[in-house]
Amino acid sequence: MSPTKIARTLRCGLSTVQRRLRLLRRKLGRNLAELRALASQFQSIEDSLTDSRARRIYRKGATQSGEDPEESQG
């Protein structure tokens, strides 16, 4: 969407939309067109996190490459 259409849809000022878009570009270090290309991947990540099976994942252990946290402390 164009900044004008975003402002109209969200009922806020165009300058607010433009300022936030600039902030996003600066914080993310990416052009918004690049992020738009990744939108489907973001959606699949969000879907996987809301999957009912995801509640049973021990997330802290998943980041430790399969090691038992007690064993790695030695």
PDB file of N, CA and C in Angstrom:
ATOM      1  N   MET A   1       0.838  -1.186   0.000  1.00  0.00           N
ATOM      2  CA  MET A   1       0.000   0.000   0.000  1.00  0.00           C
ATOM      3  C   MET A   1       0.881   1.246   0.000  1.00  0.00           C
ATOM      4  N   SER A   2       0.364   2.262  -0.529  1.00  0.00           N
ATOM      5  CA  SER A   2       1.090   3.538  -0.524  1.00  0.00           C
ATOM      6  C   SER A   2       0.948   4.188   0.852  1.00  0.00           C
ATOM      7  N   PRO A   3       1.879   5.045   1.211  1.00  0.00           N
ATOM      8  CA  PRO A   3       1.763   5.741   2.497  1.00  0.00           C
ATOM      9  C   PRO A   3       0.432   6.492   2.649  1.00  0.00           C
ATOM     10  N   THR A   4      -0.050   7.073   1.545  1.00  0.00           N
ATOM     11  CA  THR A   4      -1.327   7.792   1.588  1.00  0.00           C
ATOM     12  C   THR A   4      -2.473   6.841   1.920  1.00  0.00           C
ATOM     13  N   LYS A   5      -2.472   5.673   1.292  1.00  0.00           N
ATOM     14  CA  LYS A   5      -3.542   4.705   1.532  1.00  0.00           C
ATOM     15  C   LYS A   5      -3.449   4.144   2.959  1.00  0.00           C
ATOM     16  N   ILE A   6      -2.240   3.931   3.443  1.00  0.00           N
ATOM     17  CA  ILE A   6      -2.046   3.457   4.812  1.00  0.00           C
ATOM     18  C   ILE A   6      -2.608   4.479   5.799  1.00  0.00           C
ATOM     19  N   ALA A   7      -2.279   5.756   5.579  1.00  0.00           N
ATOM     20  CA  ALA A   7      -2.767   6.822   6.463  1.00  0.00           C
ATOM     21  C   ALA A   7      -4.287   6.882   6.449  1.00  0.00           C
ATOM     22  N   ARG A   8      -4.873   6.755   5.281  1.00  0.00           N
ATOM     23  CA  ARG A   8      -6.331   6.789   5.169  1.00  0.00           C
ATOM     24  C   ARG A   8      -6.958   5.590   5.875  1.00  0.00           C
ATOM     25  N   THR A   9      -6.381   4.400   5.682  1.00  0.00           N
ATOM     26  CA  THR A   9      -6.914   3.183   6.288  1.00  0.00           C
ATOM     27  C   THR A   9      -6.821   3.225   7.808  1.00  0.00           C
ATOM     28  N   LEU A  10      -5.695   3.707   8.317  1.00  0.00           N
ATOM     29  CA  LEU A  10      -5.478   3.742   9.765  1.00  0.00           C
ATOM     30  C   LEU A  10      -5.989   5.016  10.418  1.00  0.00           C
ATOM     31  N   ARG A  11      -6.483   5.924   9.581  1.00  0.00           N
ATOM     32  CA  ARG A  11      -7.015   7.201  10.072  1.00  0.00           C
ATOM     33  C   ARG A  11      -5.983   7.962  10.901  1.00  0.00           C
ATOM     34  N   CYS A  12      -4.815   8.122  10.315  1.00  0.00           N
ATOM     35  CA  CYS A  12      -3.766   8.912  10.963  1.00  0.00           C
ATOM     36  C   CYS A  12      -3.122   9.799   9.910  1.00  0.00           C
ATOM     37  N   GLY A  13      -2.239  10.665  10.340  1.00  0.00           N
ATOM     38  CA  GLY A  13      -1.598  11.595   9.427  1.00  0.00           C
ATOM     39  C   GLY A  13      -0.579  10.936   8.519  1.00  0.00           C
ATOM     40  N   LEU A  14      -0.463  11.472   7.328  1.00  0.00           N
ATOM     41  CA  LEU A  14       0.511  10.966   6.367  1.00  0.00           C
ATOM     42  C   LEU A  14       1.922  11.099   6.916  1.00  0.00           C
ATOM     43  N   SER A  15       2.205  12.196   7.609  1.00  0.00           N
ATOM     44  CA  SER A  15       3.548  12.392   8.161  1.00  0.00           C
ATOM     45  C   SER A  15       3.881  11.321   9.202  1.00  0.00           C
ATOM     46  N   THR A  16       2.882  10.878   9.955  1.00  0.00           N
ATOM     47  CA  THR A  16       3.091   9.810  10.939  1.00  0.00           C
ATOM     48  C   THR A  16       3.492   8.516  10.235  1.00  0.00           C
ATOM     49  N   VAL A  17       2.775   8.190   9.175  1.00  0.00           N
ATOM     50  CA  VAL A  17       3.075   6.964   8.415  1.00  0.00           C
ATOM     51  C   VAL A  17       4.474   7.053   7.820  1.00  0.00           C
ATOM     52  N   GLN A  18       4.807   8.180   7.207  1.00  0.00           N
ATOM     53  CA  GLN A  18       6.126   8.330   6.591  1.00  0.00           C
ATOM     54  C   GLN A  18       7.232   8.249   7.635  1.00  0.00           C
ATOM     55  N   ARG A  19       7.026   8.846   8.779  1.00  0.00           N
ATOM     56  CA  ARG A  19       8.032   8.808   9.857  1.00  0.00           C
ATOM     57  C   ARG A  19       8.245   7.375  10.340  1.00  0.00           C
ATOM     58  N   ARG A  20       7.161   6.640  10.504  1.00  0.00           N
ATOM     59  CA  ARG A  20       7.279   5.247  10.979  1.00  0.00           C
ATOM     60  C   ARG A  20       7.895   4.338   9.930  1.00  0.00           C
ATOM     61  N   LEU A  21       7.618   4.586   8.672  1.00  0.00           N
ATOM     62  CA  LEU A  21       8.249   3.799   7.612  1.00  0.00           C
ATOM     63  C   LEU A  21       9.755   4.048   7.584  1.00  0.00           C
ATOM     64  N   ARG A  22      10.159   5.304   7.749  1.00  0.00           N
ATOM     65  CA  ARG A  22      11.598   5.618   7.816  1.00  0.00           C
ATOM     66  C   ARG A  22      12.247   4.931   9.016  1.00  0.00           C
ATOM     67  N   LEU A  23      11.553   4.956  10.149  1.00  0.00           N
ATOM     68  CA  LEU A  23      12.065   4.310  11.356  1.00  0.00           C
ATOM     69  C   LEU A  23      12.240   2.808  11.133  1.00  0.00           C
ATOM     70  N   LEU A  24      11.259   2.180  10.490  1.00  0.00           N
ATOM     71  CA  LEU A  24      11.363   0.754  10.194  1.00  0.00           C
ATOM     72  C   LEU A  24      12.569   0.461   9.296  1.00  0.00           C
ATOM     73  N   ARG A  25      12.738   1.271   8.266  1.00  0.00           N
ATOM     74  CA  ARG A  25      13.886   1.061   7.368  1.00  0.00           C
ATOM     75  C   ARG A  25      15.202   1.169   8.127  1.00  0.00           C
ATOM     76  N   ARG A  26      15.284   2.172   8.993  1.00  0.00           N
ATOM     77  CA  ARG A  26      16.524   2.398   9.742  1.00  0.00           C
ATOM     78  C   ARG A  26      16.768   1.280  10.755  1.00  0.00           C
ATOM     79  N   LYS A  27      15.738   0.890  11.499  1.00  0.00           N
ATOM     80  CA  LYS A  27      15.891  -0.138  12.549  1.00  0.00           C
ATOM     81  C   LYS A  27      16.159  -1.518  11.961  1.00  0.00           C
ATOM     82  N   LEU A  28      15.477  -1.841  10.867  1.00  0.00           N
ATOM     83  CA  LEU A  28      15.607  -3.177  10.294  1.00  0.00           C
ATOM     84  C   LEU A  28      16.756  -3.287   9.298  1.00  0.00           C
ATOM     85  N   GLY A  29      17.246  -2.166   8.831  1.00  0.00           N
ATOM     86  CA  GLY A  29      18.341  -2.186   7.876  1.00  0.00           C
ATOM     87  C   GLY A  29      17.962  -2.790   6.542  1.00  0.00           C
ATOM     88  N   ARG A  30      16.703  -2.787   6.249  1.00  0.00           N
ATOM     89  CA  ARG A  30      16.203  -3.363   5.001  1.00  0.00           C
ATOM     90  C   ARG A  30      15.192  -2.433   4.365  1.00  0.00           C
ATOM     91  N   ASN A  31      15.120  -2.491   3.062  1.00  0.00           N
ATOM     92  CA  ASN A  31      14.093  -1.786   2.330  1.00  0.00           C
ATOM     93  C   ASN A  31      12.770  -2.520   2.569  1.00  0.00           C
ATOM     94  N   LEU A  32      11.689  -1.787   2.640  1.00  0.00           N
ATOM     95  CA  LEU A  32      10.399  -2.424   2.904  1.00  0.00           C
ATOM     96  C   LEU A  32       9.980  -3.376   1.789  1.00  0.00           C
ATOM     97  N   ALA A  33      10.432  -3.140   0.575  1.00  0.00           N
ATOM     98  CA  ALA A  33      10.128  -4.061  -0.521  1.00  0.00           C
ATOM     99  C   ALA A  33      10.771  -5.424  -0.261  1.00  0.00           C
ATOM    100  N   GLU A  34      11.973  -5.429   0.318  1.00  0.00           N
ATOM    101  CA  GLU A  34      12.632  -6.690   0.664  1.00  0.00           C
ATOM    102  C   GLU A  34      11.835  -7.434   1.730  1.00  0.00           C
ATOM    103  N   LEU A  35      11.341  -6.697   2.713  1.00  0.00           N
ATOM    104  CA  LEU A  35      10.558  -7.326   3.774  1.00  0.00           C
ATOM    105  C   LEU A  35       9.237  -7.866   3.242  1.00  0.00           C
ATOM    106  N   ARG A  36       8.657  -7.143   2.294  1.00  0.00           N
ATOM    107  CA  ARG A  36       7.404  -7.599   1.697  1.00  0.00           C
ATOM    108  C   ARG A  36       7.613  -8.944   1.009  1.00  0.00           C
ATOM    109  N   ALA A  37       8.781  -9.137   0.412  1.00  0.00           N
ATOM    110  CA  ALA A  37       9.094 -10.401  -0.257  1.00  0.00           C
ATOM    111  C   ALA A  37       9.198 -11.543   0.749  1.00  0.00           C
ATOM    112  N   LEU A  38       9.522 -11.220   1.997  1.00  0.00           N
ATOM    113  CA  LEU A  38       9.650 -12.238   3.047  1.00  0.00           C
ATOM    114  C   LEU A  38       8.361 -12.455   3.836  1.00  0.00           C
ATOM    115  N   ALA A  39       7.308 -11.728   3.504  1.00  0.00           N
ATOM    116  CA  ALA A  39       6.068 -11.762   4.275  1.00  0.00           C
ATOM    117  C   ALA A  39       5.505 -13.176   4.409  1.00  0.00           C
ATOM    118  N   SER A  40       5.584 -13.975   3.368  1.00  0.00           N
ATOM    119  CA  SER A  40       5.035 -15.328   3.450  1.00  0.00           C
ATOM    120  C   SER A  40       5.826 -16.173   4.446  1.00  0.00           C
ATOM    121  N   GLN A  41       7.134 -15.945   4.530  1.00  0.00           N
ATOM    122  CA  GLN A  41       7.935 -16.678   5.507  1.00  0.00           C
ATOM    123  C   GLN A  41       7.580 -16.244   6.926  1.00  0.00           C
ATOM    124  N   PHE A  42       7.355 -14.930   7.126  1.00  0.00           N
ATOM    125  CA  PHE A  42       6.938 -14.451   8.438  1.00  0.00           C
ATOM    126  C   PHE A  42       5.601 -15.073   8.837  1.00  0.00           C
ATOM    127  N   GLN A  43       4.703 -15.193   7.853  1.00  0.00           N
ATOM    128  CA  GLN A  43       3.389 -15.772   8.131  1.00  0.00           C
ATOM    129  C   GLN A  43       3.523 -17.234   8.535  1.00  0.00           C
ATOM    130  N   SER A  44       4.389 -17.988   7.866  1.00  0.00           N
ATOM    131  CA  SER A  44       4.547 -19.401   8.219  1.00  0.00           C
ATOM    132  C   SER A  44       5.186 -19.547   9.601  1.00  0.00           C
ATOM    133  N   ILE A  45       6.095 -18.635   9.977  1.00  0.00           N
ATOM    134  CA  ILE A  45       6.681 -18.656  11.316  1.00  0.00           C
ATOM    135  C   ILE A  45       5.598 -18.384  12.354  1.00  0.00           C
ATOM    136  N   GLU A  46       4.770 -17.375  12.095  1.00  0.00           N
ATOM    137  CA  GLU A  46       3.681 -17.060  13.024  1.00  0.00           C
ATOM    138  C   GLU A  46       2.720 -18.229  13.161  1.00  0.00           C
ATOM    139  N   ASP A  47       2.386 -18.863  12.046  1.00  0.00           N
ATOM    140  CA  ASP A  47       1.494 -20.019  12.084  1.00  0.00           C
ATOM    141  C   ASP A  47       2.090 -21.162  12.894  1.00  0.00           C
ATOM    142  N   SER A  48       3.393 -21.394  12.740  1.00  0.00           N
ATOM    143  CA  SER A  48       4.029 -22.489  13.469  1.00  0.00           C
ATOM    144  C   SER A  48       4.063 -22.216  14.969  1.00  0.00           C
ATOM    145  N   LEU A  49       4.182 -20.947  15.357  1.00  0.00           N
ATOM    146  CA  LEU A  49       4.208 -20.607  16.777  1.00  0.00           C
ATOM    147  C   LEU A  49       2.839 -20.717  17.425  1.00  0.00           C
ATOM    148  N   THR A  50       1.792 -20.557  16.639  1.00  0.00           N
ATOM    149  CA  THR A  50       0.445 -20.675  17.195  1.00  0.00           C
ATOM    150  C   THR A  50      -0.104 -22.093  17.077  1.00  0.00           C
ATOM    151  N   ASP A  51       0.671 -22.988  16.483  1.00  0.00           N
ATOM    152  CA  ASP A  51       0.267 -24.391  16.374  1.00  0.00           C
ATOM    153  C   ASP A  51       0.148 -24.980  17.780  1.00  0.00           C
ATOM    154  N   SER A  52      -0.904 -25.715  18.040  1.00  0.00           N
ATOM    155  CA  SER A  52      -1.130 -26.271  19.374  1.00  0.00           C
ATOM    156  C   SER A  52       0.008 -27.202  19.804  1.00  0.00           C
ATOM    157  N   ARG A  53       0.680 -27.822  18.852  1.00  0.00           N
ATOM    158  CA  ARG A  53       1.791 -28.710  19.193  1.00  0.00           C
ATOM    159  C   ARG A  53       3.007 -27.939  19.670  1.00  0.00           C
ATOM    160  N   ALA A  54       3.086 -26.641  19.342  1.00  0.00           N
ATOM    161  CA  ALA A  54       4.249 -25.836  19.704  1.00  0.00           C
ATOM    162  C   ALA A  54       4.340 -25.605  21.209  1.00  0.00           C
ATOM    163  N   ARG A  55       3.249 -25.759  21.923  1.00  0.00           N
ATOM    164  CA  ARG A  55       3.274 -25.543  23.372  1.00  0.00           C
ATOM    165  C   ARG A  55       4.124 -26.575  24.092  1.00  0.00           C
ATOM    166  N   ARG A  56       4.329 -27.729  23.485  1.00  0.00           N
ATOM    167  CA  ARG A  56       5.087 -28.791  24.146  1.00  0.00           C
ATOM    168  C   ARG A  56       6.576 -28.735  23.859  1.00  0.00           C
ATOM    169  N   ILE A  57       7.030 -27.775  23.092  1.00  0.00           N
ATOM    170  CA  ILE A  57       8.445 -27.678  22.748  1.00  0.00           C
ATOM    171  C   ILE A  57       9.196 -26.996  23.884  1.00  0.00           C
ATOM    172  N   TYR A  58      10.295 -27.621  24.304  1.00  0.00           N
ATOM    173  CA  TYR A  58      11.159 -27.007  25.311  1.00  0.00           C
ATOM    174  C   TYR A  58      12.105 -26.091  24.552  1.00  0.00           C
ATOM    175  N   ARG A  59      11.719 -24.821  24.424  1.00  0.00           N
ATOM    176  CA  ARG A  59      12.415 -23.879  23.562  1.00  0.00           C
ATOM    177  C   ARG A  59      13.851 -23.605  24.015  1.00  0.00           C
ATOM    178  N   LYS A  60      14.086 -23.525  25.298  1.00  0.00           N
ATOM    179  CA  LYS A  60      15.430 -23.248  25.781  1.00  0.00           C
ATOM    180  C   LYS A  60      16.371 -24.384  25.376  1.00  0.00           C
ATOM    181  N   GLY A  61      15.911 -25.599  25.493  1.00  0.00           N
ATOM    182  CA  GLY A  61      16.719 -26.743  25.106  1.00  0.00           C
ATOM    183  C   GLY A  61      16.916 -26.837  23.607  1.00  0.00           C
ATOM    184  N   ALA A  62      15.960 -26.325  22.850  1.00  0.00           N
ATOM    185  CA  ALA A  62      16.063 -26.384  21.392  1.00  0.00           C
ATOM    186  C   ALA A  62      17.196 -25.510  20.876  1.00  0.00           C
ATOM    187  N   THR A  63      17.582 -24.502  21.622  1.00  0.00           N
ATOM    188  CA  THR A  63      18.656 -23.614  21.179  1.00  0.00           C
ATOM    189  C   THR A  63      20.031 -24.101  21.591  1.00  0.00           C
ATOM    190  N   GLN A  64      20.103 -25.164  22.348  1.00  0.00           N
ATOM    191  CA  GLN A  64      21.386 -25.650  22.834  1.00  0.00           C
ATOM    192  C   GLN A  64      21.890 -26.847  22.044  1.00  0.00           C
ATOM    193  N   SER A  65      21.508 -26.920  20.805  1.00  0.00           N
ATOM    194  CA  SER A  65      21.955 -27.960  19.876  1.00  0.00           C
ATOM    195  C   SER A  65      21.873 -29.368  20.446  1.00  0.00           C
ATOM    196  N   GLY A  66      20.767 -29.648  21.140  1.00  0.00           N
ATOM    197  CA  GLY A  66      20.529 -31.008  21.612  1.00  0.00           C
ATOM    198  C   GLY A  66      21.243 -31.387  22.881  1.00  0.00           C
ATOM    199  N   GLU A  67      22.023 -30.510  23.473  1.00  0.00           N
ATOM    200  CA  GLU A  67      22.729 -30.836  24.699  1.00  0.00           C
ATOM    201  C   GLU A  67      21.814 -30.720  25.897  1.00  0.00           C
ATOM    202  N   ASP A  68      22.052 -31.563  26.880  1.00  0.00           N
ATOM    203  CA  ASP A  68      21.327 -31.472  28.136  1.00  0.00           C
ATOM    204  C   ASP A  68      21.890 -30.290  28.916  1.00  0.00           C
ATOM    205  N   PRO A  69      21.049 -29.324  29.346  1.00  0.00           N
ATOM    206  CA  PRO A  69      21.571 -28.138  30.010  1.00  0.00           C
ATOM    207  C   PRO A  69      22.373 -28.459  31.280  1.00  0.00           C
ATOM    208  N   GLU A  70      22.015 -29.519  31.998  1.00  0.00           N
ATOM    209  CA  GLU A  70      22.734 -29.865  33.218  1.00  0.00           C
ATOM    210  C   GLU A  70      24.113 -30.453  32.896  1.00  0.00           C
ATOM    211  N   GLU A  71      24.201 -31.210  31.808  1.00  0.00           N
ATOM    212  CA  GLU A  71      25.482 -31.810  31.424  1.00  0.00           C
ATOM    213  C   GLU A  71      26.460 -30.758  30.929  1.00  0.00           C
ATOM    214  N   SER A  72      25.977 -29.709  30.264  1.00  0.00           N
ATOM    215  CA  SER A  72      26.873 -28.719  29.687  1.00  0.00           C
ATOM    216  C   SER A  72      27.498 -27.838  30.766  1.00  0.00           C
ATOM    217  N   GLN A  73      26.908 -27.797  31.979  1.00  0.00           N
ATOM    218  CA  GLN A  73      27.462 -26.998  33.051  1.00  0.00           C
ATOM    219  C   GLN A  73      28.613 -27.725  33.738  1.00  0.00           C
ATOM    220  N   GLY A  74      28.741 -28.995  33.488  1.00  0.00           N
ATOM    221  CA  GLY A  74      29.869 -29.792  33.876  1.00  0.00           C
ATOM    222  C   GLY A  74      30.032 -30.127  35.253  1.00  0.00           C
TER     223      GLY A  74
END
